[in-house]
Amino acid sequence: MTIVSWLLAGCLVGWAAGLYMGTRNQHAFIFNASVATVGAAAGTWVLGPMFDIGPGLSFFGVIVGAFCGVVTLALVHFVRRRVTA
């Protein structure tokens, strides 16, 4: 999976998270998209060989990246909520 698909999955998940959480300002989108992109990259690096995701842009690769981005973003928001509370 290429950097383009990680960015695509991360921005898609960041945008959807902003809509879901009601944070529609630019700083929240940048934070959500960057965390989701890191999660998509790490998740695809770990899960790519398991699901036989080769290099290049693929639909299944973007789906796996988006799922991993969602999981990473949820964990980061959970930890941030616990630390600030």
Foldseek 3Di string as FASTA:
>chain_A
DDLVLLLVLLLVLLVVVCVVVVPPDPVSSVVSSVQLSVQLVVQCVVCCVVVVPDDDDDPVSSVSSNVSSNVRSVVVVVVVVVVVD
